[in-house]
Amino acid sequence: MRRPLPLLAGLLLLVTACTAVPGPDSKTTPHARATPDPGTTGGRWRPAPGLGWQWQLSGRLDPAVDVPVYDIDGFDHPASTVADLHRRGRKVVCYLSTGAWEEFRPDADDFPKALLGEGNGWEGERWLDIRRTDLLGPLMAKRLDMCRDKGFDAVEPDNMDGYENRTGFPLTAADQLRYNRLIAGMAHERGLAVGLKNDLDQIPKLLPDFDFAVNEQCAQYDECGRLAPFVAAGKAVFHVEYELTTDRFCPQARKLGLSSMRKRYELDAWRRPCQGTA
């Protein structure tokens, strides 16, 4: 799951918009094109290690950062934004919460109350009972349909490690494996690549099911080495740190083959990539 953010960063998240316009941190002109990822040929996208990326979930979207991969909110952005990023040579990842309920989403009322557990540390969000795949499966299928229909190339399913948290449900590792594989399979059925978010303990078992990984703060928590199986399998690891300066995590990130950058907790357009990467 996303790490809980400080109060000031949480307040900044309230100021969001989805217009695809260049921002002050742009590295290129609006019409510059990144180099397409060769891993797209022959089926769904398969991002390789070392690809530069941008992860923006708040603020006015800056589409002109010169990187081949963008990770943006699936609900907040229309198909036209995804198409614009494609014209610029980007692959686009659809951020979704698949393990937690969010009261501010348009489909929030579709979730039975029996599925809702404890809060996950973010205002308006509660853990889901992932054991109830009979109820969650159709709801998540609609969300994945949305990502596919908007033209996204991949999906980043968040909050996929509930079994390690106080959810209000007696979730087990087996429950989590079953659910994570369900989400990955549904994404693949729609032609979408899928990333494993955090959930480091289950990497050995889930590596065959996921096409890349997304990680927060593995350097701060001395966990980055546990992501090595993804890189060894030729699969990208998209990694961010919030509190460490780049000189403290970039040397290890480069050695491990991670696609690493520093971001603010609010995940706006600002970014500081490791030198030597996009």
Protein backbone atom coordinates (compact mmCIF):
# COMPACT_ATOMS: atom_id res chain seq x y z
CA MET A 1 0.00 0.00 0.00
CA ARG A 2 1.02 3.61 -0.22
CA ARG A 3 2.93 4.67 2.88
CA PRO A 4 0.92 7.04 5.14
CA LEU A 5 1.93 10.61 4.35
CA PRO A 6 2.48 13.62 6.64
CA LEU A 7 -0.42 15.98 7.37
CA LEU A 8 0.85 18.77 5.11
CA ALA A 9 1.22 16.41 2.17
CA GLY A 10 -2.28 15.11 2.83
CA LEU A 11 -3.69 18.61 2.62
CA LEU A 12 -1.89 19.15 -0.67
CA LEU A 13 -3.65 16.10 -2.08
CA LEU A 14 -6.93 18.00 -1.88
CA VAL A 15 -5.76 20.30 -4.64
CA THR A 16 -5.99 18.08 -7.71
CA ALA A 17 -6.89 18.45 -11.35
CA CYS A 18 -6.58 16.26 -14.41
CA THR A 19 -5.90 18.63 -17.31
CA ALA A 20 -2.95 17.38 -19.32
CA VAL A 21 -0.84 20.52 -19.54
CA PRO A 22 2.93 21.02 -19.21
CA GLY A 23 4.16 21.93 -15.74
CA PRO A 24 7.18 23.82 -14.48
CA ASP A 25 9.23 20.66 -13.97
CA SER A 26 8.93 19.55 -17.62
CA LYS A 27 12.14 18.31 -19.13
CA THR A 28 11.05 18.57 -22.76
CA THR A 29 8.71 20.49 -24.98
CA PRO A 30 5.07 19.27 -25.09
CA HIS A 31 5.69 17.50 -28.40
CA ALA A 32 8.89 15.66 -27.51
CA ARG A 33 8.67 11.90 -27.79
CA ALA A 34 10.28 9.35 -25.51
CA THR A 35 11.82 6.23 -26.98
CA PRO A 36 9.13 3.51 -27.17
CA ASP A 37 9.78 0.42 -25.11
CA PRO A 38 10.64 -2.54 -27.34
CA GLY A 39 8.93 -4.89 -24.86
CA THR A 40 5.55 -4.14 -26.43
CA THR A 41 5.90 -6.42 -29.42
CA GLY A 42 4.17 -9.79 -29.45
CA GLY A 43 1.34 -9.36 -26.96
CA ARG A 44 0.90 -7.24 -23.85
CA TRP A 45 3.52 -4.77 -22.72
CA ARG A 46 6.45 -6.24 -20.79
CA PRO A 47 8.55 -3.41 -19.32
CA ALA A 48 12.24 -4.18 -19.02
CA PRO A 49 14.49 -3.13 -16.13
CA GLY A 50 15.93 0.37 -16.19
CA LEU A 51 13.06 2.24 -17.86
CA GLY A 52 12.58 5.80 -16.63
CA TRP A 53 9.14 6.62 -15.29
CA GLN A 54 6.88 9.31 -13.90
CA TRP A 55 4.35 8.65 -11.15
CA GLN A 56 1.80 11.44 -10.74
CA LEU A 57 -1.41 11.01 -8.77
CA SER A 58 -2.12 14.64 -7.81
CA GLY A 59 -1.93 18.12 -9.29
CA ARG A 60 -2.26 19.14 -12.92
CA LEU A 61 -0.77 16.40 -15.03
CA ASP A 62 2.50 17.33 -16.69
CA PRO A 63 2.67 15.14 -19.82
CA ALA A 64 6.05 16.40 -21.03
CA VAL A 65 8.51 14.69 -18.71
CA ASP A 66 10.82 12.84 -21.08
CA VAL A 67 10.37 9.28 -19.83
CA PRO A 68 8.89 6.21 -21.53
CA VAL A 69 6.47 5.29 -18.71
CA TYR A 70 3.71 7.26 -16.94
CA ASP A 71 1.72 5.95 -13.96
CA ILE A 72 -1.48 7.98 -13.42
CA ASP A 73 -4.84 7.61 -11.68
CA GLY A 74 -7.24 5.47 -13.70
CA PHE A 75 -10.41 7.20 -12.55
CA ASP A 76 -9.17 10.78 -12.76
CA HIS A 77 -8.01 10.78 -16.36
CA PRO A 78 -10.06 10.31 -19.55
CA ALA A 79 -9.12 8.31 -22.61
CA SER A 80 -7.98 11.51 -24.31
CA THR A 81 -5.20 11.95 -21.72
CA VAL A 82 -4.00 8.39 -22.29
CA ALA A 83 -4.09 8.95 -26.06
CA ASP A 84 -2.08 12.17 -25.68
CA LEU A 85 0.59 10.38 -23.67
CA HIS A 86 0.69 7.64 -26.31
CA ARG A 87 1.26 10.27 -29.00
CA ARG A 88 4.25 11.44 -26.99
CA GLY A 89 5.69 7.93 -26.99
CA ARG A 90 4.73 6.95 -23.44
CA LYS A 91 3.36 3.73 -22.07
CA VAL A 92 0.65 4.47 -19.51
CA VAL A 93 -0.09 2.61 -16.27
CA CYS A 94 -3.56 2.77 -14.68
CA TYR A 95 -3.38 3.29 -10.92
CA LEU A 96 -6.23 1.54 -9.07
CA SER A 97 -6.90 0.57 -5.49
CA THR A 98 -7.92 -3.06 -5.59
CA GLY A 99 -7.45 -3.92 -1.93
CA ALA A 100 -9.10 -0.94 -0.25
CA TRP A 101 -12.43 0.87 -0.59
CA GLU A 102 -12.30 4.60 -1.35
CA GLU A 103 -15.35 6.68 -0.49
CA PHE A 104 -14.55 9.28 -3.15
CA ARG A 105 -14.70 6.93 -6.15
CA PRO A 106 -17.77 6.98 -8.42
CA ASP A 107 -18.44 3.27 -7.78
CA ALA A 108 -18.08 3.50 -3.97
CA ASP A 109 -21.78 2.75 -3.37
CA ASP A 110 -21.48 -0.51 -5.31
CA PHE A 111 -19.41 -2.09 -2.54
CA PRO A 112 -21.48 -4.00 0.06
CA LYS A 113 -20.79 -2.82 3.62
CA ALA A 114 -19.84 -6.35 4.59
CA LEU A 115 -16.69 -5.95 2.48
CA LEU A 116 -15.45 -2.88 4.36
CA GLY A 117 -12.94 -3.30 7.17
CA GLU A 118 -10.66 -1.02 9.16
CA GLY A 119 -9.16 2.18 7.83
CA ASN A 120 -5.86 1.79 6.00
CA GLY A 121 -4.27 5.04 7.17
CA TRP A 122 -5.68 7.23 4.41
CA GLU A 123 -8.74 9.40 4.95
CA GLY A 124 -11.88 7.90 3.41
CA GLU A 125 -10.28 4.51 2.74
CA ARG A 126 -10.94 1.11 4.34
CA TRP A 127 -9.47 -2.33 3.77
CA LEU A 128 -11.53 -4.80 1.76
CA ASP A 129 -12.31 -8.39 2.64
CA ILE A 130 -10.37 -9.96 -0.20
CA ARG A 131 -11.67 -13.41 0.72
CA ARG A 132 -15.01 -12.45 -0.84
CA THR A 133 -13.92 -12.83 -4.43
CA ASP A 134 -17.54 -13.63 -5.35
CA LEU A 135 -18.36 -9.99 -4.60
CA LEU A 136 -15.06 -8.29 -5.34
CA GLY A 137 -14.36 -10.09 -8.63
CA PRO A 138 -17.17 -8.40 -10.61
CA LEU A 139 -16.41 -4.99 -9.05
CA MET A 140 -12.73 -5.18 -9.94
CA ALA A 141 -13.55 -6.52 -13.40
CA LYS A 142 -15.46 -3.28 -14.09
CA ARG A 143 -12.51 -1.22 -12.94
CA LEU A 144 -10.12 -3.16 -15.14
CA ASP A 145 -12.56 -2.79 -18.04
CA MET A 146 -12.32 0.96 -17.49
CA CYS A 147 -8.52 0.86 -17.72
CA ARG A 148 -8.68 -1.21 -20.90
CA ASP A 149 -11.36 0.94 -22.50
CA LYS A 150 -9.41 4.14 -21.81
CA GLY A 151 -6.44 2.64 -23.62
CA PHE A 152 -4.05 2.06 -20.72
CA ASP A 153 -1.17 -0.36 -21.27
CA ALA A 154 -0.93 -1.67 -17.72
CA VAL A 155 -2.44 -1.51 -14.27
CA GLU A 156 -0.92 -0.80 -10.86
CA PRO A 157 -3.24 -2.48 -8.31
CA ASP A 158 -2.66 -0.91 -4.90
CA ASN A 159 -3.27 -2.12 -1.34
CA MET A 160 -2.49 -5.70 -2.29
CA ASP A 161 -0.86 -6.60 1.04
CA GLY A 162 -3.81 -6.45 3.42
CA TYR A 163 -2.86 -9.72 5.09
CA GLU A 164 0.13 -7.93 6.62
CA ASN A 165 -2.04 -5.18 8.12
CA ARG A 166 -4.85 -4.76 10.62
CA THR A 167 -7.77 -4.96 8.23
CA GLY A 168 -10.54 -6.11 10.55
CA PHE A 169 -10.54 -9.47 8.77
CA PRO A 170 -8.51 -12.64 9.55
CA LEU A 171 -6.69 -12.55 6.23
CA THR A 172 -3.95 -15.08 5.57
CA ALA A 173 -1.06 -15.20 3.12
CA ALA A 174 -3.02 -17.81 1.16
CA ASP A 175 -5.97 -15.41 0.90
CA GLN A 176 -3.66 -12.72 -0.44
CA LEU A 177 -2.03 -15.01 -2.98
CA ARG A 178 -5.39 -16.09 -4.29
CA TYR A 179 -6.64 -12.53 -4.62
CA ASN A 180 -3.46 -11.12 -6.14
CA ARG A 181 -3.43 -13.87 -8.74
CA LEU A 182 -7.09 -13.20 -9.49
CA ILE A 183 -6.36 -9.51 -10.18
CA ALA A 184 -3.30 -10.35 -12.28
CA GLY A 185 -5.25 -12.88 -14.31
CA MET A 186 -8.12 -10.49 -14.97
CA ALA A 187 -5.66 -7.81 -16.10
CA HIS A 188 -3.98 -10.22 -18.49
CA GLU A 189 -7.35 -11.30 -19.90
CA ARG A 190 -7.84 -7.66 -20.92
CA GLY A 191 -4.41 -7.37 -22.52
CA LEU A 192 -3.03 -5.28 -19.67
CA ALA A 193 0.35 -5.73 -18.05
CA VAL A 194 0.13 -5.77 -14.25
CA GLY A 195 2.53 -4.71 -11.51
CA LEU A 196 2.99 -6.13 -8.02
CA LYS A 197 2.77 -3.27 -5.53
CA ASN A 198 5.05 -3.69 -2.50
CA ASP A 199 4.09 -7.12 -0.93
CA LEU A 200 7.72 -8.19 -0.82
CA ASP A 201 7.12 -11.37 1.18
CA GLN A 202 5.17 -12.96 -1.66
CA ILE A 203 7.51 -12.08 -4.54
CA PRO A 204 8.90 -15.64 -4.86
CA LYS A 205 5.39 -17.03 -5.40
CA LEU A 206 3.91 -14.15 -7.40
CA LEU A 207 6.80 -13.40 -9.75
CA PRO A 208 5.36 -15.55 -12.58
CA ASP A 209 1.99 -13.78 -12.33
CA PHE A 210 3.20 -10.16 -12.55
CA ASP A 211 4.96 -8.28 -15.34
CA PHE A 212 6.73 -5.64 -13.22
CA ALA A 213 6.88 -4.33 -9.65
CA VAL A 214 6.13 -0.97 -8.04
CA ASN A 215 7.79 -0.23 -4.72
CA GLU A 216 7.83 2.56 -2.18
CA GLN A 217 10.75 3.17 0.15
CA CYS A 218 12.60 -0.12 -0.13
CA ALA A 219 15.87 1.75 0.47
CA GLN A 220 14.61 3.46 3.62
CA TYR A 221 13.49 0.10 5.00
CA ASP A 222 16.52 -1.84 3.70
CA GLU A 223 14.39 -4.06 1.46
CA CYS A 224 15.54 -3.34 -2.10
CA GLY A 225 17.50 -6.56 -2.44
CA ARG A 226 14.26 -8.50 -2.14
CA LEU A 227 13.16 -7.07 -5.50
CA ALA A 228 16.13 -8.63 -7.32
CA PRO A 229 14.07 -11.58 -8.66
CA PHE A 230 12.06 -9.20 -10.85
CA VAL A 231 15.17 -7.72 -12.43
CA ALA A 232 16.72 -11.17 -12.85
CA ALA A 233 13.57 -12.20 -14.73
CA GLY A 234 13.89 -9.20 -17.06
CA LYS A 235 11.01 -7.33 -15.41
CA ALA A 236 11.11 -3.66 -14.42
CA VAL A 237 11.02 -2.46 -10.84
CA PHE A 238 9.58 1.07 -10.59
CA HIS A 239 10.77 2.48 -7.26
CA VAL A 240 10.35 5.71 -5.30
CA GLU A 241 11.76 7.15 -2.11
CA TYR A 242 10.23 10.09 -0.26
CA GLU A 243 12.54 10.89 2.63
CA LEU A 244 16.01 9.79 1.51
CA THR A 245 18.07 12.04 -0.73
CA THR A 246 19.11 10.57 -4.07
CA ASP A 247 22.76 10.21 -3.03
CA ARG A 248 21.64 7.81 -0.30
CA PHE A 249 19.66 5.38 -2.47
CA CYS A 250 20.69 5.83 -6.10
CA PRO A 251 24.01 3.94 -5.97
CA GLN A 252 22.28 0.78 -4.73
CA ALA A 253 19.33 1.30 -7.07
CA ARG A 254 21.63 1.49 -10.09
CA LYS A 255 23.51 -1.61 -8.95
CA LEU A 256 20.26 -3.55 -8.60
CA GLY A 257 18.81 -2.30 -11.90
CA LEU A 258 15.86 -0.45 -10.36
CA SER A 259 14.03 2.44 -12.03
CA SER A 260 14.34 4.81 -9.10
CA MET A 261 13.48 8.41 -8.27
CA ARG A 262 12.64 10.64 -5.36
CA LYS A 263 9.09 11.98 -5.10
CA ARG A 264 7.07 14.04 -2.66
CA TYR A 265 4.44 12.16 -0.64
CA GLU A 266 1.63 13.87 -2.52
CA LEU A 267 2.93 12.39 -5.80
CA ASP A 268 2.56 15.57 -7.83
CA ALA A 269 4.64 16.32 -10.93
CA TRP A 270 7.92 16.96 -9.08
CA ARG A 271 10.55 14.23 -9.38
CA ARG A 272 14.28 13.70 -8.90
CA PRO A 273 15.47 10.63 -10.83
CA CYS A 274 18.74 8.91 -10.10
CA GLN A 275 21.54 10.23 -12.30
CA GLY A 276 22.27 7.96 -15.19
CA THR A 277 18.60 7.04 -15.60
CA ALA A 278 15.74 8.82 -17.37
